[in-house]
């Protein structure tokens, strides 16, 4: 079972009213909506950090070698762009 904690925070009145409205439209509680929003934001930040770390280790010559293996005619049947 997941443990939970209480944390009081201040929210601008206009944001709270909008939050209540959107949570209701989504069929969820304000608390659940906030939990999901925080989880999504944390995931986005962690993902960005992951790719920044990977980018820092990247070697441009390895990337170019992969591109060269692809050749110049990489169009696959069905991938054509229609005009």
PDB file of N, CA and C in Angstrom:
ATOM      1  N   UNK A   1       0.844  -1.190   0.000  1.00  0.00           N
ATOM      2  CA  UNK A   1       0.000   0.000   0.000  1.00  0.00           C
ATOM      3  C   UNK A   1       0.883   1.244   0.000  1.00  0.00           C
ATOM      4  N   UNK A   2       0.509   2.225  -0.790  1.00  0.00           N
ATOM      5  CA  UNK A   2       1.266   3.461  -0.886  1.00  0.00           C
ATOM      6  C   UNK A   2       0.997   4.342   0.325  1.00  0.00           C
ATOM      7  N   UNK A   3       2.069   4.833   0.893  1.00  0.00           N
ATOM      8  CA  UNK A   3       1.921   5.764   2.013  1.00  0.00           C
ATOM      9  C   UNK A   3       1.659   7.159   1.467  1.00  0.00           C
ATOM     10  N   UNK A   4       0.884   7.916   2.190  1.00  0.00           N
ATOM     11  CA  UNK A   4       0.605   9.292   1.786  1.00  0.00           C
ATOM     12  C   UNK A   4       0.994  10.232   2.911  1.00  0.00           C
ATOM     13  N   UNK A   5       1.195  11.485   2.551  1.00  0.00           N
ATOM     14  CA  UNK A   5       1.520  12.525   3.508  1.00  0.00           C
ATOM     15  C   UNK A   5       0.643  13.732   3.222  1.00  0.00           C
ATOM     16  N   UNK A   6       0.413  14.499   4.229  1.00  0.00           N
ATOM     17  CA  UNK A   6      -0.315  15.754   4.058  1.00  0.00           C
ATOM     18  C   UNK A   6       0.683  16.879   3.892  1.00  0.00           C
ATOM     19  N   UNK A   7       0.360  17.801   2.995  1.00  0.00           N
ATOM     20  CA  UNK A   7       1.208  18.959   2.784  1.00  0.00           C
ATOM     21  C   UNK A   7       0.299  20.129   2.436  1.00  0.00           C
ATOM     22  N   UNK A   8       0.276  21.109   3.289  1.00  0.00           N
ATOM     23  CA  UNK A   8      -0.562  22.286   3.039  1.00  0.00           C
ATOM     24  C   UNK A   8       0.212  23.265   2.157  1.00  0.00           C
ATOM     25  N   UNK A   9      -0.460  23.823   1.165  1.00  0.00           N
ATOM     26  CA  UNK A   9       0.182  24.837   0.335  1.00  0.00           C
ATOM     27  C   UNK A   9      -0.838  25.888  -0.057  1.00  0.00           C
ATOM     28  N   UNK A  10      -0.344  27.037  -0.433  1.00  0.00           N
ATOM     29  CA  UNK A  10      -1.207  28.139  -0.832  1.00  0.00           C
ATOM     30  C   UNK A  10      -1.368  28.124  -2.346  1.00  0.00           C
ATOM     31  N   UNK A  11      -2.593  28.371  -2.765  1.00  0.00           N
ATOM     32  CA  UNK A  11      -2.905  28.411  -4.185  1.00  0.00           C
ATOM     33  C   UNK A  11      -3.752  29.651  -4.435  1.00  0.00           C
ATOM     34  N   UNK A  12      -3.441  30.368  -5.480  1.00  0.00           N
ATOM     35  CA  UNK A  12      -4.230  31.555  -5.796  1.00  0.00           C
ATOM     36  C   UNK A  12      -5.685  31.148  -5.988  1.00  0.00           C
ATOM     37  N   UNK A  13      -6.584  31.992  -5.517  1.00  0.00           N
ATOM     38  CA  UNK A  13      -8.013  31.705  -5.580  1.00  0.00           C
ATOM     39  C   UNK A  13      -8.461  31.396  -6.997  1.00  0.00           C
ATOM     40  N   UNK A  14      -7.993  32.175  -7.951  1.00  0.00           N
ATOM     41  CA  UNK A  14      -8.403  31.948  -9.350  1.00  0.00           C
ATOM     42  C   UNK A  14      -7.930  30.578  -9.847  1.00  0.00           C
ATOM     43  N   UNK A  15      -6.724  30.170  -9.451  1.00  0.00           N
ATOM     44  CA  UNK A  15      -6.227  28.847  -9.848  1.00  0.00           C
ATOM     45  C   UNK A  15      -7.025  27.740  -9.183  1.00  0.00           C
ATOM     46  N   UNK A  16      -7.375  27.934  -7.924  1.00  0.00           N
ATOM     47  CA  UNK A  16      -8.150  26.919  -7.213  1.00  0.00           C
ATOM     48  C   UNK A  16      -9.521  26.731  -7.850  1.00  0.00           C
ATOM     49  N   UNK A  17     -10.169  27.811  -8.210  1.00  0.00           N
ATOM     50  CA  UNK A  17     -11.484  27.709  -8.846  1.00  0.00           C
ATOM     51  C   UNK A  17     -11.382  26.975 -10.186  1.00  0.00           C
ATOM     52  N   UNK A  18     -10.364  27.323 -10.963  1.00  0.00           N
ATOM     53  CA  UNK A  18     -10.158  26.647 -12.251  1.00  0.00           C
ATOM     54  C   UNK A  18      -9.830  25.171 -12.026  1.00  0.00           C
ATOM     55  N   UNK A  19      -9.013  24.892 -11.026  1.00  0.00           N
ATOM     56  CA  UNK A  19      -8.650  23.518 -10.690  1.00  0.00           C
ATOM     57  C   UNK A  19      -9.879  22.701 -10.319  1.00  0.00           C
ATOM     58  N   UNK A  20     -10.736  23.252  -9.502  1.00  0.00           N
ATOM     59  CA  UNK A  20     -11.959  22.550  -9.107  1.00  0.00           C
ATOM     60  C   UNK A  20     -12.831  22.244 -10.321  1.00  0.00           C
ATOM     61  N   UNK A  21     -12.932  23.213 -11.217  1.00  0.00           N
ATOM     62  CA  UNK A  21     -13.763  23.043 -12.413  1.00  0.00           C
ATOM     63  C   UNK A  21     -13.200  21.952 -13.321  1.00  0.00           C
ATOM     64  N   UNK A  22     -11.901  21.998 -13.567  1.00  0.00           N
ATOM     65  CA  UNK A  22     -11.287  21.011 -14.454  1.00  0.00           C
ATOM     66  C   UNK A  22     -11.314  19.619 -13.830  1.00  0.00           C
ATOM     67  N   UNK A  23     -11.050  19.519 -12.538  1.00  0.00           N
ATOM     68  CA  UNK A  23     -11.096  18.218 -11.859  1.00  0.00           C
ATOM     69  C   UNK A  23     -12.494  17.612 -11.971  1.00  0.00           C
ATOM     70  N   UNK A  24     -13.500  18.446 -11.808  1.00  0.00           N
ATOM     71  CA  UNK A  24     -14.880  17.971 -11.927  1.00  0.00           C
ATOM     72  C   UNK A  24     -15.151  17.484 -13.345  1.00  0.00           C
ATOM     73  N   UNK A  25     -14.703  18.249 -14.349  1.00  0.00           N
ATOM     74  CA  UNK A  25     -14.881  17.853 -15.744  1.00  0.00           C
ATOM     75  C   UNK A  25     -14.181  16.529 -16.036  1.00  0.00           C
ATOM     76  N   UNK A  26     -13.041  16.313 -15.391  1.00  0.00           N
ATOM     77  CA  UNK A  26     -12.271  15.086 -15.589  1.00  0.00           C
ATOM     78  C   UNK A  26     -12.808  13.921 -14.766  1.00  0.00           C
ATOM     79  N   UNK A  27     -13.759  14.211 -13.887  1.00  0.00           N
ATOM     80  CA  UNK A  27     -14.351  13.168 -13.062  1.00  0.00           C
ATOM     81  C   UNK A  27     -13.419  12.661 -11.978  1.00  0.00           C
ATOM     82  N   UNK A  28     -12.629  13.560 -11.435  1.00  0.00           N
ATOM     83  CA  UNK A  28     -11.674  13.185 -10.399  1.00  0.00           C
ATOM     84  C   UNK A  28     -11.697  14.212  -9.279  1.00  0.00           C
ATOM     85  N   UNK A  29     -11.052  13.888  -8.188  1.00  0.00           N
ATOM     86  CA  UNK A  29     -10.977  14.836  -7.076  1.00  0.00           C
ATOM     87  C   UNK A  29      -9.841  15.823  -7.315  1.00  0.00           C
ATOM     88  N   UNK A  30      -9.908  16.938  -6.625  1.00  0.00           N
ATOM     89  CA  UNK A  30      -8.839  17.929  -6.697  1.00  0.00           C
ATOM     90  C   UNK A  30      -7.534  17.287  -6.237  1.00  0.00           C
ATOM     91  N   UNK A  31      -7.597  16.511  -5.161  1.00  0.00           N
ATOM     92  CA  UNK A  31      -6.404  15.868  -4.634  1.00  0.00           C
ATOM     93  C   UNK A  31      -5.780  14.941  -5.681  1.00  0.00           C
ATOM     94  N   UNK A  32      -6.572  14.113  -6.319  1.00  0.00           N
ATOM     95  CA  UNK A  32      -6.049  13.196  -7.326  1.00  0.00           C
ATOM     96  C   UNK A  32      -5.501  13.953  -8.523  1.00  0.00           C
ATOM     97  N   UNK A  33      -6.191  15.007  -8.908  1.00  0.00           N
ATOM     98  CA  UNK A  33      -5.729  15.817 -10.032  1.00  0.00           C
ATOM     99  C   UNK A  33      -4.352  16.402  -9.738  1.00  0.00           C
ATOM    100  N   UNK A  34      -4.169  16.933  -8.540  1.00  0.00           N
ATOM    101  CA  UNK A  34      -2.878  17.506  -8.142  1.00  0.00           C
ATOM    102  C   UNK A  34      -1.805  16.425  -8.127  1.00  0.00           C
ATOM    103  N   UNK A  35      -2.125  15.240  -7.589  1.00  0.00           N
ATOM    104  CA  UNK A  35      -1.160  14.147  -7.562  1.00  0.00           C
ATOM    105  C   UNK A  35      -0.697  13.785  -8.971  1.00  0.00           C
ATOM    106  N   UNK A  36      -1.635  13.676  -9.899  1.00  0.00           N
ATOM    107  CA  UNK A  36      -1.284  13.315 -11.275  1.00  0.00           C
ATOM    108  C   UNK A  36      -0.473  14.436 -11.922  1.00  0.00           C
ATOM    109  N   UNK A  37      -0.869  15.682 -11.688  1.00  0.00           N
ATOM    110  CA  UNK A  37      -0.149  16.815 -12.275  1.00  0.00           C
ATOM    111  C   UNK A  37       1.295  16.867 -11.776  1.00  0.00           C
ATOM    112  N   UNK A  38       1.490  16.643 -10.501  1.00  0.00           N
ATOM    113  CA  UNK A  38       2.842  16.651  -9.936  1.00  0.00           C
ATOM    114  C   UNK A  38       3.641  15.482 -10.505  1.00  0.00           C
ATOM    115  N   UNK A  39       3.033  14.307 -10.599  1.00  0.00           N
ATOM    116  CA  UNK A  39       3.725  13.142 -11.155  1.00  0.00           C
ATOM    117  C   UNK A  39       4.135  13.395 -12.599  1.00  0.00           C
ATOM    118  N   UNK A  40       3.252  14.003 -13.392  1.00  0.00           N
ATOM    119  CA  UNK A  40       3.576  14.298 -14.788  1.00  0.00           C
ATOM    120  C   UNK A  40       4.726  15.295 -14.885  1.00  0.00           C
ATOM    121  N   UNK A  41       4.717  16.312 -14.056  1.00  0.00           N
ATOM    122  CA  UNK A  41       5.783  17.319 -14.081  1.00  0.00           C
ATOM    123  C   UNK A  41       7.114  16.696 -13.680  1.00  0.00           C
ATOM    124  N   UNK A  42       7.104  15.883 -12.629  1.00  0.00           N
ATOM    125  CA  UNK A  42       8.330  15.214 -12.200  1.00  0.00           C
ATOM    126  C   UNK A  42       8.866  14.297 -13.295  1.00  0.00           C
ATOM    127  N   UNK A  43       7.981  13.571 -13.954  1.00  0.00           N
ATOM    128  CA  UNK A  43       8.406  12.683 -15.037  1.00  0.00           C
ATOM    129  C   UNK A  43       9.033  13.477 -16.175  1.00  0.00           C
ATOM    130  N   UNK A  44       8.443  14.612 -16.511  1.00  0.00           N
ATOM    131  CA  UNK A  44       8.984  15.448 -17.582  1.00  0.00           C
ATOM    132  C   UNK A  44      10.370  15.972 -17.218  1.00  0.00           C
ATOM    133  N   UNK A  45      10.539  16.416 -15.983  1.00  0.00           N
ATOM    134  CA  UNK A  45      11.846  16.925 -15.550  1.00  0.00           C
ATOM    135  C   UNK A  45      12.886  15.817 -15.506  1.00  0.00           C
ATOM    136  N   UNK A  46      12.517  14.660 -15.034  1.00  0.00           N
ATOM    137  CA  UNK A  46      13.448  13.519 -14.983  1.00  0.00           C
ATOM    138  C   UNK A  46      13.827  13.085 -16.396  1.00  0.00           C
ATOM    139  N   UNK A  47      12.872  13.097 -17.301  1.00  0.00           N
ATOM    140  CA  UNK A  47      13.145  12.714 -18.688  1.00  0.00           C
ATOM    141  C   UNK A  47      14.113  13.702 -19.325  1.00  0.00           C
ATOM    142  N   UNK A  48      13.886  14.977 -19.091  1.00  0.00           N
ATOM    143  CA  UNK A  48      14.788  15.995 -19.627  1.00  0.00           C
ATOM    144  C   UNK A  48      16.197  15.790 -19.080  1.00  0.00           C
ATOM    145  N   UNK A  49      16.306  15.543 -17.779  1.00  0.00           N
ATOM    146  CA  UNK A  49      17.617  15.323 -17.165  1.00  0.00           C
ATOM    147  C   UNK A  49      18.292  14.088 -17.758  1.00  0.00           C
ATOM    148  N   UNK A  50      17.522  13.037 -17.992  1.00  0.00           N
ATOM    149  CA  UNK A  50      18.059  11.812 -18.574  1.00  0.00           C
ATOM    150  C   UNK A  50      18.658  12.084 -19.956  1.00  0.00           C
ATOM    151  N   UNK A  51      17.900  12.783 -20.803  1.00  0.00           N
ATOM    152  CA  UNK A  51      18.391  13.045 -22.149  1.00  0.00           C
ATOM    153  C   UNK A  51      19.562  14.021 -22.155  1.00  0.00           C
ATOM    154  N   UNK A  52      19.578  14.968 -21.242  1.00  0.00           N
ATOM    155  CA  UNK A  52      20.732  15.873 -21.138  1.00  0.00           C
ATOM    156  C   UNK A  52      21.990  15.094 -20.762  1.00  0.00           C
ATOM    157  N   UNK A  53      21.835  14.151 -19.834  1.00  0.00           N
ATOM    158  CA  UNK A  53      22.970  13.333 -19.414  1.00  0.00           C
ATOM    159  C   UNK A  53      23.443  12.467 -20.574  1.00  0.00           C
ATOM    160  N   UNK A  54      22.505  11.873 -21.309  1.00  0.00           N
ATOM    161  CA  UNK A  54      22.872  11.056 -22.471  1.00  0.00           C
ATOM    162  C   UNK A  54      23.536  11.911 -23.546  1.00  0.00           C
ATOM    163  N   UNK A  55      23.032  13.115 -23.743  1.00  0.00           N
ATOM    164  CA  UNK A  55      23.599  14.002 -24.747  1.00  0.00           C
ATOM    165  C   UNK A  55      25.038  14.378 -24.382  1.00  0.00           C
ATOM    166  N   UNK A  56      25.299  14.567 -23.104  1.00  0.00           N
ATOM    167  CA  UNK A  56      26.639  14.933 -22.666  1.00  0.00           C
ATOM    168  C   UNK A  56      27.644  13.813 -22.947  1.00  0.00           C
ATOM    169  N   UNK A  57      27.178  12.567 -22.952  1.00  0.00           N
ATOM    170  CA  UNK A  57      28.058  11.422 -23.220  1.00  0.00           C
ATOM    171  C   UNK A  57      28.161  11.089 -24.703  1.00  0.00           C
ATOM    172  N   UNK A  58      27.313  11.697 -25.513  1.00  0.00           N
ATOM    173  CA  UNK A  58      27.253  11.350 -26.930  1.00  0.00           C
ATOM    174  C   UNK A  58      28.538  11.726 -27.650  1.00  0.00           C
ATOM    175  N   UNK A  59      28.855  10.917 -28.628  1.00  0.00           N
ATOM    176  CA  UNK A  59      30.024  11.193 -29.457  1.00  0.00           C
ATOM    177  C   UNK A  59      29.531  11.448 -30.876  1.00  0.00           C
ATOM    178  N   UNK A  60      29.722  12.666 -31.373  1.00  0.00           N
ATOM    179  CA  UNK A  60      29.235  13.013 -32.707  1.00  0.00           C
ATOM    180  C   UNK A  60      29.721  12.054 -33.791  1.00  0.00           C
ATOM    181  N   UNK A  61      30.946  11.548 -33.672  1.00  0.00           N
ATOM    182  CA  UNK A  61      31.455  10.632 -34.707  1.00  0.00           C
ATOM    183  C   UNK A  61      30.665   9.319 -34.732  1.00  0.00           C
ATOM    184  N   UNK A  62      30.183   8.871 -33.584  1.00  0.00           N
ATOM    185  CA  UNK A  62      29.339   7.669 -33.550  1.00  0.00           C
ATOM    186  C   UNK A  62      28.006   7.934 -34.243  1.00  0.00           C
ATOM    187  N   UNK A  63      27.456   9.094 -33.997  1.00  0.00           N
ATOM    188  CA  UNK A  63      26.194   9.471 -34.633  1.00  0.00           C
ATOM    189  C   UNK A  63      26.340   9.511 -36.150  1.00  0.00           C
ATOM    190  N   UNK A  64      27.429  10.115 -36.618  1.00  0.00           N
ATOM    191  CA  UNK A  64      27.654  10.204 -38.057  1.00  0.00           C
ATOM    192  C   UNK A  64      27.845   8.817 -38.671  1.00  0.00           C
ATOM    193  N   UNK A  65      28.505   7.919 -37.942  1.00  0.00           N
ATOM    194  CA  UNK A  65      28.702   6.553 -38.441  1.00  0.00           C
ATOM    195  C   UNK A  65      27.363   5.845 -38.623  1.00  0.00           C
ATOM    196  N   UNK A  66      26.453   6.057 -37.698  1.00  0.00           N
ATOM    197  CA  UNK A  66      25.117   5.460 -37.815  1.00  0.00           C
ATOM    198  C   UNK A  66      24.384   6.030 -39.020  1.00  0.00           C
ATOM    199  N   UNK A  67      24.467   7.343 -39.214  1.00  0.00           N
ATOM    200  CA  UNK A  67      23.813   7.965 -40.367  1.00  0.00           C
ATOM    201  C   UNK A  67      24.392   7.449 -41.679  1.00  0.00           C
ATOM    202  N   UNK A  68      25.689   7.264 -41.721  1.00  0.00           N
ATOM    203  CA  UNK A  68      26.324   6.766 -42.941  1.00  0.00           C
ATOM    204  C   UNK A  68      25.864   5.349 -43.272  1.00  0.00           C
ATOM    205  N   UNK A  69      25.616   4.527 -42.279  1.00  0.00           N
ATOM    206  CA  UNK A  69      25.133   3.172 -42.502  1.00  0.00           C
ATOM    207  C   UNK A  69      23.738   3.180 -43.131  1.00  0.00           C
ATOM    208  N   UNK A  70      22.979   4.222 -42.855  1.00  0.00           N
ATOM    209  CA  UNK A  70      21.615   4.299 -43.370  1.00  0.00           C
ATOM    210  C   UNK A  70      21.597   4.509 -44.878  1.00  0.00           C
ATOM    211  N   UNK A  71      22.642   5.074 -45.409  1.00  0.00           N
ATOM    212  CA  UNK A  71      22.685   5.333 -46.849  1.00  0.00           C
ATOM    213  C   UNK A  71      21.895   6.588 -47.189  1.00  0.00           C
ATOM    214  N   UNK A  72      21.742   6.795 -48.484  1.00  0.00           N
ATOM    215  CA  UNK A  72      21.052   8.004 -48.922  1.00  0.00           C
ATOM    216  C   UNK A  72      19.614   7.752 -49.319  1.00  0.00           C
ATOM    217  N   UNK A  73      19.305   6.550 -49.749  1.00  0.00           N
ATOM    218  CA  UNK A  73      17.952   6.226 -50.183  1.00  0.00           C
ATOM    219  C   UNK A  73      17.273   5.408 -49.087  1.00  0.00           C
ATOM    220  N   UNK A  74      16.719   6.101 -48.112  1.00  0.00           N
ATOM    221  CA  UNK A  74      16.138   5.401 -46.969  1.00  0.00           C
ATOM    222  C   UNK A  74      14.608   5.412 -46.981  1.00  0.00           C
ATOM    223  N   UNK A  75      14.018   5.800 -48.102  1.00  0.00           N
ATOM    224  CA  UNK A  75      12.568   5.798 -48.195  1.00  0.00           C
ATOM    225  C   UNK A  75      12.056   4.362 -48.212  1.00  0.00           C
ATOM    226  N   UNK A  76      11.110   4.078 -47.368  1.00  0.00           N
ATOM    227  CA  UNK A  76      10.502   2.760 -47.286  1.00  0.00           C
ATOM    228  C   UNK A  76       9.133   2.848 -47.937  1.00  0.00           C
ATOM    229  N   UNK A  77       8.787   1.829 -48.699  1.00  0.00           N
ATOM    230  CA  UNK A  77       7.481   1.817 -49.363  1.00  0.00           C
ATOM    231  C   UNK A  77       6.379   2.077 -48.339  1.00  0.00           C
ATOM    232  N   UNK A  78       5.515   3.026 -48.650  1.00  0.00           N
ATOM    233  CA  UNK A  78       4.432   3.392 -47.750  1.00  0.00           C
ATOM    234  C   UNK A  78       4.745   4.634 -46.931  1.00  0.00           C
ATOM    235  N   UNK A  79       6.012   5.048 -46.927  1.00  0.00           N
ATOM    236  CA  UNK A  79       6.414   6.229 -46.162  1.00  0.00           C
ATOM    237  C   UNK A  79       6.424   7.510 -47.003  1.00  0.00           C
ATOM    238  N   UNK A  80       5.989   7.410 -48.237  1.00  0.00           N
ATOM    239  CA  UNK A  80       6.012   8.570 -49.107  1.00  0.00           C
ATOM    240  C   UNK A  80       5.094   9.668 -48.578  1.00  0.00           C
ATOM    241  N   UNK A  81       5.513  10.899 -48.794  1.00  0.00           N
ATOM    242  CA  UNK A  81       4.703  12.048 -48.402  1.00  0.00           C
ATOM    243  C   UNK A  81       3.811  12.421 -49.566  1.00  0.00           C
ATOM    244  N   UNK A  82       2.508  12.511 -49.288  1.00  0.00           N
ATOM    245  CA  UNK A  82       1.566  12.874 -50.357  1.00  0.00           C
ATOM    246  C   UNK A  82       1.513  14.396 -50.493  1.00  0.00           C
ATOM    247  N   UNK A  83       1.426  14.853 -51.738  1.00  0.00           N
ATOM    248  CA  UNK A  83       1.346  16.301 -51.983  1.00  0.00           C
ATOM    249  C   UNK A  83      -0.058  16.789 -51.834  1.00  0.00           C
TER     250      UNK A  83
END
